Amino acid sequence: MDKTQPHPLFKLATELGPLIVFFFVNAKFNLFAATGAFMVAIIAALIASYVVTKHVPLMAIVTGIVVIVFGTLTLVLHDETFIKVKPTIIYGLFAAVLGGGLLFNRSFIAIMFDQMFNLTPAGWRVLTFRWALFFAAMAVLNEIIWRTQTTDFWVGFKAFGVVPLTMIFAIAQMPLIKRYHQEPVSLETSDAAEGDVSKG
């Protein structure tokens, strides 16, 4: 089934919506109520993404699964440590997958982010390495913040700090993407090349 390219604002809403719900429910009630609301919002965002685009990015699916698992542990055991360490697990997992892939000369960044641009093999390797380092740094940063700051500060950082940092980092990669961009081989070009070979 073909996937539909959504409006950029829709993609932003499905990513920011659950975090905003998490922030305001925590401010109004507490972290446990916010965790439950966050789980519901994540599921709603995944469903909305599939209904509109007929496709859900792998990264969103993995994030949703980890949120449900650690959110459930938080509520059942009534221990906020689980929901606080959840971002560390997600970032660490992504860093390990990307870094581990590079060890086997594989770049998984395109699969994880569902990206549509074309890069040379060298470009994919550099981009993958940079994102692996970014995710590792975010895992460390999350550990520092939730262990040293108040719960409200951590929730605020999760809701309004993580997304801007990620967007800034992604934008900073545009020169690299342009430098290693390669045009996809068209069907006409491929046919012409085959014709030249046959003539030779």
Foldseek 3Di string as FASTA:
>chain_A
DAWDDDDPVLVVCLVQVLLVQLLVLCVVPRNLSSLVSSLVSLVVSQVVRCVRTVDDAPLSVVLSVLSVVLSVVCNVVVPCVSVLLSLLVSLLVLLCVLVVCVVVLHQCPCRRVVDDFAFDSVLSNVVSNLSSVVSNVVSVVSVVDVVPHDPSVSSCCSNPPPVVVVVVSVVVCVVSCVVGGDDDQDPVNVVVVVVVVVVD
